[in-house]
Amino acid sequence: MNACLRSVVRNAVFHGFEVIGVRNGYDGLIKQRVMPLNLRSVGNIIQRGGTFLGSSRSTEFRTTRGRAQAYSYLKALDVGALITLGGDGTLSGAGIFSQEFPIQVIGVPSSIDNDLCETDLSLGFDTAVNTAVECIDRIRDTADSHGRIFVVEVMGKSSGHIALETALAAGVEYAVIPESKLREKDLVRKIQQGVNRGKSGSIVIVAEKKDPGYALDLSKVICRHVKRDVRAVVLGHLQRGGSPSRIDRNLASRFGAKAVELVRAKKTRLMVAVQDDEIVAVPFQKVVGKRRYADLSRLKLVDTLSI
C-alpha cells in the first residue's frame, strides 16, 4: 500500500492536485484525522510494508449517519475525489458512499488473499506468497533432516490462492484449500506412500479456517495414522508484513498512476485492475460482493508433481 500511496501522491502533484491522506481509513474520515501529503511525505516508503496512514475497520461508516458525517467533512475540506485501498469491505463501502453522495471514488485492490474479481493480482498477494515460500523452504530443511511431517497453515480462510501458489512454489506434498473438500483418507494415503518410498520429510499446506489453528487439528489426524513425528506451524500474520516484493511495488506504482488518471478523466465508481499485464478500470458492480476462487487445476498439478 505504501508504494501505491507514493504513486498516487506523486502523480497527483505532477498534475497539479493537492492531496490529503486519511489516517485509519473510513474511521479517520468520520473522526477527522487527516494530514496533507506532498512529495516529501511519501519519500523513502516504497520499500516499507503495510501503510503509513494506518488501517482499521469502521462500524460507524456502515451506517447512513456515519457516511453522511464523512461526506460533510470531505466537503468542508473541498475534496473532489476519494481513492480507497483495500479489499471487498473497503470497496463495498466505496460503492455505497459513491452512490449516496456526489463525489468521485476510485478503488485500488489491496488484498493478500487475491480474491477480488476482475483483477489477476491484488496488492500484497505476491509478497505474502514469497514470505510463505521462504518460511517453508526453511521448514523443509528440518523436515528432511529429522524425517518429520509438517502441516503449515497459511492465510486465506475463504480462498485458497495463497495456499496453492505457495504449494506449487515450495514443492509440497499436499495442499488443503476451501474450494475443495478435504478427504482425510486421501491425505493420509499420500503421506504414507511417501514414507513407504523412503521419503525423509513431507510438507502439507493448509489454508486457515475462521479461527487459526486448523493445522493443529489436521496434524493430529495424520499422527494417528502415520508413524512419523508430525508438527504444525501457523504462519499467521507473518505473511502480512515485511518489505514488499518487486512485483507488488511495481504493480502498486502502476495502480496509483491509473487511479490518478481516472480522477483526471472525471471517472467514478471504478476499481483499477490488472488483466493480462494491462492496467484497466472495472465498475464496482463487477467486483463488490463477488469472490474470485482458486483454480482447481493448480490443485491437481500440486498432486501430480508430488508423486
C-alpha atoms as a PDB file:
ATOM      1  CA  MET A   1       0.000   0.000   0.000  1.00  0.00           C
ATOM      2  CA  ASN A   2       2.862   2.414   0.723  1.00  0.00           C
ATOM      3  CA  ALA A   3       4.184   2.030  -2.806  1.00  0.00           C
ATOM      4  CA  CYS A   4       0.708   2.811  -4.139  1.00  0.00           C
ATOM      5  CA  LEU A   5       0.304   5.845  -1.867  1.00  0.00           C
ATOM      6  CA  ARG A   6       3.639   7.120  -3.129  1.00  0.00           C
ATOM      7  CA  SER A   7       2.498   6.725  -6.729  1.00  0.00           C
ATOM      8  CA  VAL A   8      -0.862   8.418  -6.120  1.00  0.00           C
ATOM      9  CA  VAL A   9       0.709  11.413  -4.400  1.00  0.00           C
ATOM     10  CA  ARG A  10       3.499  11.921  -6.902  1.00  0.00           C
ATOM     11  CA  ASN A  11       1.268  11.510  -9.934  1.00  0.00           C
ATOM     12  CA  ALA A  12      -1.324  13.823  -8.408  1.00  0.00           C
ATOM     13  CA  VAL A  13       1.225  16.519  -7.571  1.00  0.00           C
ATOM     14  CA  PHE A  14       2.700  16.213 -11.070  1.00  0.00           C
ATOM     15  CA  HIS A  15      -0.732  17.027 -12.490  1.00  0.00           C
ATOM     16  CA  GLY A  16      -1.360  19.928 -10.121  1.00  0.00           C
ATOM     17  CA  PHE A  17      -3.604  18.321  -7.490  1.00  0.00           C
ATOM     18  CA  GLU A  18      -3.408  18.750  -3.738  1.00  0.00           C
ATOM     19  CA  VAL A  19      -3.542  15.510  -1.765  1.00  0.00           C
ATOM     20  CA  ILE A  20      -4.810  14.753   1.726  1.00  0.00           C
ATOM     21  CA  GLY A  21      -4.135  11.450   3.462  1.00  0.00           C
ATOM     22  CA  VAL A  22      -6.763   9.948   5.770  1.00  0.00           C
ATOM     23  CA  ARG A  23      -5.486   8.123   8.826  1.00  0.00           C
ATOM     24  CA  ASN A  24      -7.007   4.706   9.580  1.00  0.00           C
ATOM     25  CA  GLY A  25      -9.362   4.535   6.620  1.00  0.00           C
ATOM     26  CA  TYR A  26     -13.066   5.334   6.838  1.00  0.00           C
ATOM     27  CA  ASP A  27     -12.817   5.691  10.605  1.00  0.00           C
ATOM     28  CA  GLY A  28     -10.396   8.559  10.055  1.00  0.00           C
ATOM     29  CA  LEU A  29     -12.875  10.318   7.784  1.00  0.00           C
ATOM     30  CA  ILE A  30     -15.527  10.262  10.456  1.00  0.00           C
ATOM     31  CA  LYS A  31     -13.120  11.295  13.221  1.00  0.00           C
ATOM     32  CA  GLN A  32     -11.479  13.935  11.016  1.00  0.00           C
ATOM     33  CA  ARG A  33      -7.985  12.513  11.153  1.00  0.00           C
ATOM     34  CA  VAL A  34      -6.235  13.720   8.036  1.00  0.00           C
ATOM     35  CA  MET A  35      -2.842  15.053   7.010  1.00  0.00           C
ATOM     36  CA  PRO A  36      -1.580  16.904   3.939  1.00  0.00           C
ATOM     37  CA  LEU A  37       0.582  14.756   1.668  1.00  0.00           C
ATOM     38  CA  ASN A  38       3.353  16.081  -0.548  1.00  0.00           C
ATOM     39  CA  LEU A  39       6.423  14.727  -2.305  1.00  0.00           C
ATOM     40  CA  ARG A  40       8.383  14.618   0.927  1.00  0.00           C
ATOM     41  CA  SER A  41       5.568  12.811   2.771  1.00  0.00           C
ATOM     42  CA  VAL A  42       5.967   9.757   0.558  1.00  0.00           C
ATOM     43  CA  GLY A  43       9.747   9.710   0.305  1.00  0.00           C
ATOM     44  CA  ASN A  44      11.556   6.514   1.294  1.00  0.00           C
ATOM     45  CA  ILE A  45       8.391   4.443   1.806  1.00  0.00           C
ATOM     46  CA  ILE A  46       8.315   2.270  -1.332  1.00  0.00           C
ATOM     47  CA  GLN A  47      10.259  -0.478   0.470  1.00  0.00           C
ATOM     48  CA  ARG A  48       8.079  -0.483   3.583  1.00  0.00           C
ATOM     49  CA  GLY A  49       5.248  -2.955   4.137  1.00  0.00           C
ATOM     50  CA  GLY A  50       1.741  -2.039   5.263  1.00  0.00           C
ATOM     51  CA  THR A  51       0.574   1.592   5.086  1.00  0.00           C
ATOM     52  CA  PHE A  52       1.992   4.558   6.981  1.00  0.00           C
ATOM     53  CA  LEU A  53      -1.506   6.064   7.076  1.00  0.00           C
ATOM     54  CA  GLY A  54      -2.794   3.130   9.086  1.00  0.00           C
ATOM     55  CA  SER A  55      -5.879   0.971   8.588  1.00  0.00           C
ATOM     56  CA  SER A  56      -8.918  -0.022  10.645  1.00  0.00           C
ATOM     57  CA  ARG A  57     -12.468  -1.331  10.422  1.00  0.00           C
ATOM     58  CA  SER A  58     -15.219   1.233  10.904  1.00  0.00           C
ATOM     59  CA  THR A  59     -18.629   0.185  12.209  1.00  0.00           C
ATOM     60  CA  GLU A  60     -19.785   3.820  12.028  1.00  0.00           C
ATOM     61  CA  PHE A  61     -19.100   4.053   8.298  1.00  0.00           C
ATOM     62  CA  ARG A  62     -21.533   1.181   7.789  1.00  0.00           C
ATOM     63  CA  THR A  63     -24.338   3.474   8.938  1.00  0.00           C
ATOM     64  CA  THR A  64     -26.004   6.189   6.878  1.00  0.00           C
ATOM     65  CA  ARG A  65     -25.239   8.707   9.592  1.00  0.00           C
ATOM     66  CA  GLY A  66     -21.559   7.804   9.642  1.00  0.00           C
ATOM     67  CA  ARG A  67     -21.199   8.112   5.888  1.00  0.00           C
ATOM     68  CA  ALA A  68     -23.008  11.457   5.941  1.00  0.00           C
ATOM     69  CA  GLN A  69     -20.520  12.660   8.560  1.00  0.00           C
ATOM     70  CA  ALA A  70     -17.639  11.562   6.383  1.00  0.00           C
ATOM     71  CA  TYR A  71     -19.022  13.324   3.321  1.00  0.00           C
ATOM     72  CA  SER A  72     -19.653  16.561   5.243  1.00  0.00           C
ATOM     73  CA  TYR A  73     -16.025  16.564   6.342  1.00  0.00           C
ATOM     74  CA  LEU A  74     -14.748  15.936   2.810  1.00  0.00           C
ATOM     75  CA  LYS A  75     -16.976  18.702   1.518  1.00  0.00           C
ATOM     76  CA  ALA A  76     -15.645  21.100   4.164  1.00  0.00           C
ATOM     77  CA  LEU A  77     -12.115  20.247   3.005  1.00  0.00           C
ATOM     78  CA  ASP A  78     -13.172  20.861  -0.629  1.00  0.00           C
ATOM     79  CA  VAL A  79     -12.186  17.302  -1.588  1.00  0.00           C
ATOM     80  CA  GLY A  80     -13.457  16.299  -5.014  1.00  0.00           C
ATOM     81  CA  ALA A  81     -12.176  12.724  -5.307  1.00  0.00           C
ATOM     82  CA  LEU A  82     -11.508   9.812  -2.966  1.00  0.00           C
ATOM     83  CA  ILE A  83      -9.080   6.971  -3.715  1.00  0.00           C
ATOM     84  CA  THR A  84      -9.519   3.930  -1.475  1.00  0.00           C
ATOM     85  CA  LEU A  85      -7.145   0.997  -0.992  1.00  0.00           C
ATOM     86  CA  GLY A  86      -8.475  -2.275   0.364  1.00  0.00           C
ATOM     87  CA  GLY A  87     -10.377  -5.485  -0.162  1.00  0.00           C
ATOM     88  CA  ASP A  88     -14.049  -6.311  -0.592  1.00  0.00           C
ATOM     89  CA  GLY A  89     -15.131  -4.479   2.579  1.00  0.00           C
ATOM     90  CA  THR A  90     -13.365  -1.286   1.543  1.00  0.00           C
ATOM     91  CA  LEU A  91     -14.734  -1.478  -1.992  1.00  0.00           C
ATOM     92  CA  SER A  92     -18.249  -2.190  -0.717  1.00  0.00           C
ATOM     93  CA  GLY A  93     -18.057   0.941   1.410  1.00  0.00           C
ATOM     94  CA  ALA A  94     -16.691   2.914  -1.533  1.00  0.00           C
ATOM     95  CA  GLY A  95     -19.533   1.724  -3.744  1.00  0.00           C
ATOM     96  CA  ILE A  96     -22.266   2.719  -1.288  1.00  0.00           C
ATOM     97  CA  PHE A  97     -20.571   6.039  -0.496  1.00  0.00           C
ATOM     98  CA  SER A  98     -20.297   6.999  -4.166  1.00  0.00           C
ATOM     99  CA  GLN A  99     -23.968   6.169  -4.717  1.00  0.00           C
ATOM    100  CA  GLU A 100     -25.147   8.285  -1.828  1.00  0.00           C
ATOM    101  CA  PHE A 101     -23.002  11.373  -2.379  1.00  0.00           C
ATOM    102  CA  PRO A 102     -21.725  13.386  -5.370  1.00  0.00           C
ATOM    103  CA  ILE A 103     -18.036  12.574  -5.100  1.00  0.00           C
ATOM    104  CA  GLN A 104     -15.616  10.720  -7.360  1.00  0.00           C
ATOM    105  CA  VAL A 105     -14.485   7.413  -5.863  1.00  0.00           C
ATOM    106  CA  ILE A 106     -11.783   5.127  -7.283  1.00  0.00           C
ATOM    107  CA  GLY A 107     -10.758   1.820  -5.683  1.00  0.00           C
ATOM    108  CA  VAL A 108      -7.408   0.028  -5.645  1.00  0.00           C
ATOM    109  CA  PRO A 109      -7.459  -3.757  -4.971  1.00  0.00           C
ATOM    110  CA  SER A 110      -5.345  -4.408  -1.883  1.00  0.00           C
ATOM    111  CA  SER A 111      -5.933  -7.903  -0.506  1.00  0.00           C
ATOM    112  CA  ILE A 112      -3.278 -10.521   0.166  1.00  0.00           C
ATOM    113  CA  ASP A 113      -5.964 -13.204  -0.344  1.00  0.00           C
ATOM    114  CA  ASN A 114      -6.121 -12.214  -4.045  1.00  0.00           C
ATOM    115  CA  ASP A 115      -9.844 -12.997  -4.007  1.00  0.00           C
ATOM    116  CA  LEU A 116     -11.181  -9.878  -5.742  1.00  0.00           C
ATOM    117  CA  CYS A 117     -12.840 -10.442  -9.111  1.00  0.00           C
ATOM    118  CA  GLU A 118     -11.772  -8.786 -12.370  1.00  0.00           C
ATOM    119  CA  THR A 119      -8.092  -8.463 -11.441  1.00  0.00           C
ATOM    120  CA  ASP A 120      -5.338 -11.027 -11.865  1.00  0.00           C
ATOM    121  CA  LEU A 121      -3.484  -9.686  -8.838  1.00  0.00           C
ATOM    122  CA  SER A 122      -4.238  -7.647  -5.736  1.00  0.00           C
ATOM    123  CA  LEU A 123      -1.595  -5.686  -3.852  1.00  0.00           C
ATOM    124  CA  GLY A 124       0.150  -7.729  -1.185  1.00  0.00           C
ATOM    125  CA  PHE A 125      -0.523 -11.181  -2.628  1.00  0.00           C
ATOM    126  CA  ASP A 126       2.855 -11.745  -4.248  1.00  0.00           C
ATOM    127  CA  THR A 127       4.695 -10.603  -1.133  1.00  0.00           C
ATOM    128  CA  ALA A 128       2.582 -12.878   1.084  1.00  0.00           C
ATOM    129  CA  VAL A 129       3.330 -15.891  -1.121  1.00  0.00           C
ATOM    130  CA  ASN A 130       7.048 -15.105  -1.248  1.00  0.00           C
ATOM    131  CA  THR A 131       7.134 -14.846   2.547  1.00  0.00           C
ATOM    132  CA  ALA A 132       5.337 -18.168   2.960  1.00  0.00           C
ATOM    133  CA  VAL A 133       7.631 -19.896   0.465  1.00  0.00           C
ATOM    134  CA  GLU A 134      10.723 -18.600   2.251  1.00  0.00           C
ATOM    135  CA  CYS A 135       9.426 -19.926   5.567  1.00  0.00           C
ATOM    136  CA  ILE A 136       8.572 -23.317   4.089  1.00  0.00           C
ATOM    137  CA  ASP A 137      11.997 -23.638   2.474  1.00  0.00           C
ATOM    138  CA  ARG A 138      13.453 -23.318   5.969  1.00  0.00           C
ATOM    139  CA  ILE A 139      10.951 -25.785   7.404  1.00  0.00           C
ATOM    140  CA  ARG A 140      11.812 -28.250   4.637  1.00  0.00           C
ATOM    141  CA  ASP A 141      15.405 -28.434   5.913  1.00  0.00           C
ATOM    142  CA  THR A 142      14.166 -29.608   9.300  1.00  0.00           C
ATOM    143  CA  ALA A 143      11.565 -31.934   7.776  1.00  0.00           C
ATOM    144  CA  ASP A 144      14.158 -33.710   5.650  1.00  0.00           C
ATOM    145  CA  SER A 145      16.931 -33.889   8.240  1.00  0.00           C
ATOM    146  CA  HIS A 146      14.684 -35.122  11.064  1.00  0.00           C
ATOM    147  CA  GLY A 147      12.248 -37.184   8.991  1.00  0.00           C
ATOM    148  CA  ARG A 148       9.244 -35.141  10.078  1.00  0.00           C
ATOM    149  CA  ILE A 149       5.902 -34.243   8.572  1.00  0.00           C
ATOM    150  CA  PHE A 150       4.989 -30.558   8.831  1.00  0.00           C
ATOM    151  CA  VAL A 151       1.488 -29.143   8.445  1.00  0.00           C
ATOM    152  CA  VAL A 152       1.892 -25.442   7.625  1.00  0.00           C
ATOM    153  CA  GLU A 153      -1.066 -23.078   7.870  1.00  0.00           C
ATOM    154  CA  VAL A 154      -1.205 -20.011   5.644  1.00  0.00           C
ATOM    155  CA  MET A 155      -3.789 -17.233   5.393  1.00  0.00           C
ATOM    156  CA  GLY A 156      -6.878 -17.442   3.191  1.00  0.00           C
ATOM    157  CA  LYS A 157      -9.917 -18.657   5.119  1.00  0.00           C
ATOM    158  CA  SER A 158     -12.260 -18.012   2.184  1.00  0.00           C
ATOM    159  CA  SER A 159      -9.965 -18.609  -0.768  1.00  0.00           C
ATOM    160  CA  GLY A 160      -7.014 -20.853  -1.460  1.00  0.00           C
ATOM    161  CA  HIS A 161      -4.882 -18.614  -3.679  1.00  0.00           C
ATOM    162  CA  ILE A 162      -2.038 -18.200  -1.169  1.00  0.00           C
ATOM    163  CA  ALA A 163      -2.067 -21.897  -0.269  1.00  0.00           C
ATOM    164  CA  LEU A 164      -1.994 -23.042  -3.899  1.00  0.00           C
ATOM    165  CA  GLU A 165       0.685 -20.634  -5.125  1.00  0.00           C
ATOM    166  CA  THR A 166       2.811 -21.436  -2.081  1.00  0.00           C
ATOM    167  CA  ALA A 167       2.297 -25.185  -2.534  1.00  0.00           C
ATOM    168  CA  LEU A 168       3.421 -25.060  -6.168  1.00  0.00           C
ATOM    169  CA  ALA A 169       6.427 -22.851  -5.483  1.00  0.00           C
ATOM    170  CA  ALA A 170       7.599 -24.842  -2.453  1.00  0.00           C
ATOM    171  CA  GLY A 171       7.002 -28.277  -3.993  1.00  0.00           C
ATOM    172  CA  VAL A 172       4.880 -29.560  -1.132  1.00  0.00           C
ATOM    173  CA  GLU A 173       3.218 -32.958  -0.928  1.00  0.00           C
ATOM    174  CA  TYR A 174      -0.362 -31.846  -0.339  1.00  0.00           C
ATOM    175  CA  ALA A 175      -2.484 -28.684  -0.270  1.00  0.00           C
ATOM    176  CA  VAL A 176      -5.796 -28.148   1.527  1.00  0.00           C
ATOM    177  CA  ILE A 177      -7.931 -25.233   0.331  1.00  0.00           C
ATOM    178  CA  PRO A 178     -11.519 -24.007   0.915  1.00  0.00           C
ATOM    179  CA  GLU A 179     -12.506 -24.587  -2.716  1.00  0.00           C
ATOM    180  CA  SER A 180     -12.011 -28.347  -2.479  1.00  0.00           C
ATOM    181  CA  LYS A 181     -13.387 -30.642   0.224  1.00  0.00           C
ATOM    182  CA  LEU A 182     -10.652 -32.441   2.124  1.00  0.00           C
ATOM    183  CA  ARG A 183     -10.715 -36.219   2.044  1.00  0.00           C
ATOM    184  CA  GLU A 184      -8.633 -37.170   5.054  1.00  0.00           C
ATOM    185  CA  LYS A 185      -8.129 -40.698   3.735  1.00  0.00           C
ATOM    186  CA  ASP A 186      -6.536 -39.313   0.551  1.00  0.00           C
ATOM    187  CA  LEU A 187      -4.225 -37.066   2.575  1.00  0.00           C
ATOM    188  CA  VAL A 188      -3.102 -39.889   4.842  1.00  0.00           C
ATOM    189  CA  ARG A 189      -2.619 -42.239   1.897  1.00  0.00           C
ATOM    190  CA  LYS A 190      -0.477 -39.678   0.035  1.00  0.00           C
ATOM    191  CA  ILE A 191       1.743 -39.094   3.066  1.00  0.00           C
ATOM    192  CA  GLN A 192       2.057 -42.845   3.771  1.00  0.00           C
ATOM    193  CA  GLN A 193       3.012 -43.549   0.152  1.00  0.00           C
ATOM    194  CA  GLY A 194       5.863 -41.097   0.503  1.00  0.00           C
ATOM    195  CA  VAL A 195       7.003 -42.734   3.739  1.00  0.00           C
ATOM    196  CA  ASN A 196       6.872 -46.160   2.069  1.00  0.00           C
ATOM    197  CA  ARG A 197       9.094 -44.890  -0.745  1.00  0.00           C
ATOM    198  CA  GLY A 198      11.643 -43.723   1.781  1.00  0.00           C
ATOM    199  CA  LYS A 199      10.816 -40.036   1.644  1.00  0.00           C
ATOM    200  CA  SER A 200      12.603 -38.323   4.501  1.00  0.00           C
ATOM    201  CA  GLY A 201      10.140 -35.499   5.151  1.00  0.00           C
ATOM    202  CA  SER A 202       6.817 -34.127   3.936  1.00  0.00           C
ATOM    203  CA  ILE A 203       5.066 -30.753   3.890  1.00  0.00           C
ATOM    204  CA  VAL A 204       1.295 -30.204   3.879  1.00  0.00           C
ATOM    205  CA  ILE A 205      -0.022 -26.685   3.214  1.00  0.00           C
ATOM    206  CA  VAL A 206      -3.442 -25.756   4.604  1.00  0.00           C
ATOM    207  CA  ALA A 207      -5.457 -22.562   4.212  1.00  0.00           C
ATOM    208  CA  GLU A 208      -6.689 -21.248   7.550  1.00  0.00           C
ATOM    209  CA  LYS A 209     -10.282 -21.564   8.662  1.00  0.00           C
ATOM    210  CA  LYS A 210     -12.328 -18.949  10.549  1.00  0.00           C
ATOM    211  CA  ASP A 211     -10.118 -19.304  13.614  1.00  0.00           C
ATOM    212  CA  PRO A 212      -6.367 -20.015  13.392  1.00  0.00           C
ATOM    213  CA  GLY A 213      -5.218 -23.479  14.365  1.00  0.00           C
ATOM    214  CA  TYR A 214      -6.625 -25.739  11.648  1.00  0.00           C
ATOM    215  CA  ALA A 215      -3.097 -27.068  11.081  1.00  0.00           C
ATOM    216  CA  LEU A 216      -3.055 -28.371  14.654  1.00  0.00           C
ATOM    217  CA  ASP A 217      -6.234 -30.379  14.133  1.00  0.00           C
ATOM    218  CA  LEU A 218      -5.009 -31.806  10.849  1.00  0.00           C
ATOM    219  CA  SER A 219      -1.620 -32.742  12.290  1.00  0.00           C
ATOM    220  CA  LYS A 220      -3.396 -34.867  14.919  1.00  0.00           C
ATOM    221  CA  VAL A 221      -5.275 -36.711  12.166  1.00  0.00           C
ATOM    222  CA  ILE A 222      -2.039 -37.520  10.343  1.00  0.00           C
ATOM    223  CA  CYS A 223      -0.294 -38.505  13.574  1.00  0.00           C
ATOM    224  CA  ARG A 224      -2.972 -41.120  14.318  1.00  0.00           C
ATOM    225  CA  HIS A 225      -2.364 -42.896  11.014  1.00  0.00           C
ATOM    226  CA  VAL A 226       1.272 -42.322  10.038  1.00  0.00           C
ATOM    227  CA  LYS A 227       4.182 -43.436  12.237  1.00  0.00           C
ATOM    228  CA  ARG A 228       6.174 -40.245  11.931  1.00  0.00           C
ATOM    229  CA  ASP A 229       6.778 -37.174  14.050  1.00  0.00           C
ATOM    230  CA  VAL A 230       4.160 -34.616  12.921  1.00  0.00           C
ATOM    231  CA  ARG A 231       4.455 -30.895  13.676  1.00  0.00           C
ATOM    232  CA  ALA A 232       2.126 -27.960  12.975  1.00  0.00           C
ATOM    233  CA  VAL A 233       3.240 -24.430  12.095  1.00  0.00           C
ATOM    234  CA  VAL A 234       0.853 -21.466  11.844  1.00  0.00           C
ATOM    235  CA  LEU A 235       2.457 -18.663   9.813  1.00  0.00           C
ATOM    236  CA  GLY A 236      -0.425 -16.281  10.530  1.00  0.00           C
ATOM    237  CA  HIS A 237       0.205 -12.557  10.252  1.00  0.00           C
ATOM    238  CA  LEU A 238       3.869 -13.119   9.498  1.00  0.00           C
ATOM    239  CA  GLN A 239       2.691 -13.143   5.870  1.00  0.00           C
ATOM    240  CA  ARG A 240       1.212  -9.649   6.064  1.00  0.00           C
ATOM    241  CA  GLY A 241       4.369  -7.752   6.896  1.00  0.00           C
ATOM    242  CA  GLY A 242       7.854  -7.227   5.569  1.00  0.00           C
ATOM    243  CA  SER A 243       9.350  -5.454   2.597  1.00  0.00           C
ATOM    244  CA  PRO A 244       7.112  -5.803  -0.493  1.00  0.00           C
ATOM    245  CA  SER A 245       8.279  -7.814  -3.489  1.00  0.00           C
ATOM    246  CA  ARG A 246       9.361  -6.278  -6.770  1.00  0.00           C
ATOM    247  CA  ILE A 247       6.085  -7.364  -8.381  1.00  0.00           C
ATOM    248  CA  ASP A 248       3.988  -5.727  -5.648  1.00  0.00           C
ATOM    249  CA  ARG A 249       5.992  -2.489  -5.729  1.00  0.00           C
ATOM    250  CA  ASN A 250       5.741  -2.119  -9.489  1.00  0.00           C
ATOM    251  CA  LEU A 251       2.086  -3.100  -9.617  1.00  0.00           C
ATOM    252  CA  ALA A 252       1.319  -0.608  -6.842  1.00  0.00           C
ATOM    253  CA  SER A 253       3.047   2.162  -8.790  1.00  0.00           C
ATOM    254  CA  ARG A 254       1.018   1.333 -11.898  1.00  0.00           C
ATOM    255  CA  PHE A 255      -2.235   1.123  -9.928  1.00  0.00           C
ATOM    256  CA  GLY A 256      -1.593   4.508  -8.323  1.00  0.00           C
ATOM    257  CA  ALA A 257      -0.883   6.157 -11.654  1.00  0.00           C
ATOM    258  CA  LYS A 258      -4.050   4.682 -13.160  1.00  0.00           C
ATOM    259  CA  ALA A 259      -6.155   5.859 -10.203  1.00  0.00           C
ATOM    260  CA  VAL A 260      -4.988   9.455 -10.713  1.00  0.00           C
ATOM    261  CA  GLU A 261      -5.582   9.152 -14.447  1.00  0.00           C
ATOM    262  CA  LEU A 262      -9.194   8.157 -13.754  1.00  0.00           C
ATOM    263  CA  VAL A 263      -9.621  11.096 -11.370  1.00  0.00           C
ATOM    264  CA  ARG A 264      -8.309  13.462 -14.047  1.00  0.00           C
ATOM    265  CA  ALA A 265     -10.793  11.977 -16.512  1.00  0.00           C
ATOM    266  CA  LYS A 266     -13.673  12.611 -14.055  1.00  0.00           C
ATOM    267  CA  LYS A 267     -14.422   8.881 -13.838  1.00  0.00           C
ATOM    268  CA  THR A 268     -16.015   7.340 -10.759  1.00  0.00           C
ATOM    269  CA  ARG A 269     -17.218   4.069  -9.216  1.00  0.00           C
ATOM    270  CA  LEU A 270     -14.311   2.168 -10.764  1.00  0.00           C
ATOM    271  CA  MET A 271     -11.615  -0.170  -9.459  1.00  0.00           C
ATOM    272  CA  VAL A 272      -8.234  -0.269 -11.112  1.00  0.00           C
ATOM    273  CA  ALA A 273      -7.150  -3.791 -12.046  1.00  0.00           C
ATOM    274  CA  VAL A 274      -4.538  -5.764 -13.926  1.00  0.00           C
ATOM    275  CA  GLN A 275      -5.644  -8.140 -16.666  1.00  0.00           C
ATOM    276  CA  ASP A 276      -3.048  -9.894 -18.813  1.00  0.00           C
ATOM    277  CA  ASP A 277      -0.478  -7.351 -17.562  1.00  0.00           C
ATOM    278  CA  GLU A 278      -2.583  -4.404 -18.739  1.00  0.00           C
ATOM    279  CA  ILE A 279      -3.848  -1.885 -16.179  1.00  0.00           C
ATOM    280  CA  VAL A 280      -7.574  -1.349 -16.699  1.00  0.00           C
ATOM    281  CA  ALA A 281     -10.617   0.003 -14.852  1.00  0.00           C
ATOM    282  CA  VAL A 282     -13.680  -2.078 -13.967  1.00  0.00           C
ATOM    283  CA  PRO A 283     -17.023  -0.966 -12.483  1.00  0.00           C
ATOM    284  CA  PHE A 284     -17.595  -1.564  -8.781  1.00  0.00           C
ATOM    285  CA  GLN A 285     -20.677  -3.671  -9.532  1.00  0.00           C
ATOM    286  CA  LYS A 286     -18.476  -6.313 -11.209  1.00  0.00           C
ATOM    287  CA  VAL A 287     -16.353  -6.646  -8.083  1.00  0.00           C
ATOM    288  CA  VAL A 288     -18.293  -5.867  -4.906  1.00  0.00           C
ATOM    289  CA  GLY A 289     -19.891  -8.867  -3.203  1.00  0.00           C
ATOM    290  CA  LYS A 290     -18.228 -11.348  -5.552  1.00  0.00           C
ATOM    291  CA  ARG A 291     -15.305 -13.663  -4.964  1.00  0.00           C
ATOM    292  CA  ARG A 292     -12.501 -14.916  -7.164  1.00  0.00           C
ATOM    293  CA  TYR A 293     -11.919 -18.567  -6.377  1.00  0.00           C
ATOM    294  CA  ALA A 294      -8.685 -20.516  -6.675  1.00  0.00           C
ATOM    295  CA  ASP A 295      -8.037 -22.522  -9.841  1.00  0.00           C
ATOM    296  CA  LEU A 296      -8.585 -26.194  -9.041  1.00  0.00           C
ATOM    297  CA  SER A 297      -6.409 -27.255 -11.982  1.00  0.00           C
ATOM    298  CA  ARG A 298      -3.461 -25.954  -9.951  1.00  0.00           C
ATOM    299  CA  LEU A 299      -4.503 -28.158  -7.058  1.00  0.00           C
ATOM    300  CA  LYS A 300      -4.390 -31.123  -9.408  1.00  0.00           C
ATOM    301  CA  LEU A 301      -0.928 -30.044 -10.552  1.00  0.00           C
ATOM    302  CA  VAL A 302       0.298 -29.940  -6.940  1.00  0.00           C
ATOM    303  CA  ASP A 303      -0.906 -33.527  -6.530  1.00  0.00           C
ATOM    304  CA  THR A 304       0.701 -34.664  -9.791  1.00  0.00           C
ATOM    305  CA  LEU A 305       4.069 -33.085  -9.080  1.00  0.00           C
ATOM    306  CA  SER A 306       4.246 -34.590  -5.601  1.00  0.00           C
ATOM    307  CA  ILE A 307       4.031 -38.251  -6.649  1.00  0.00           C
END
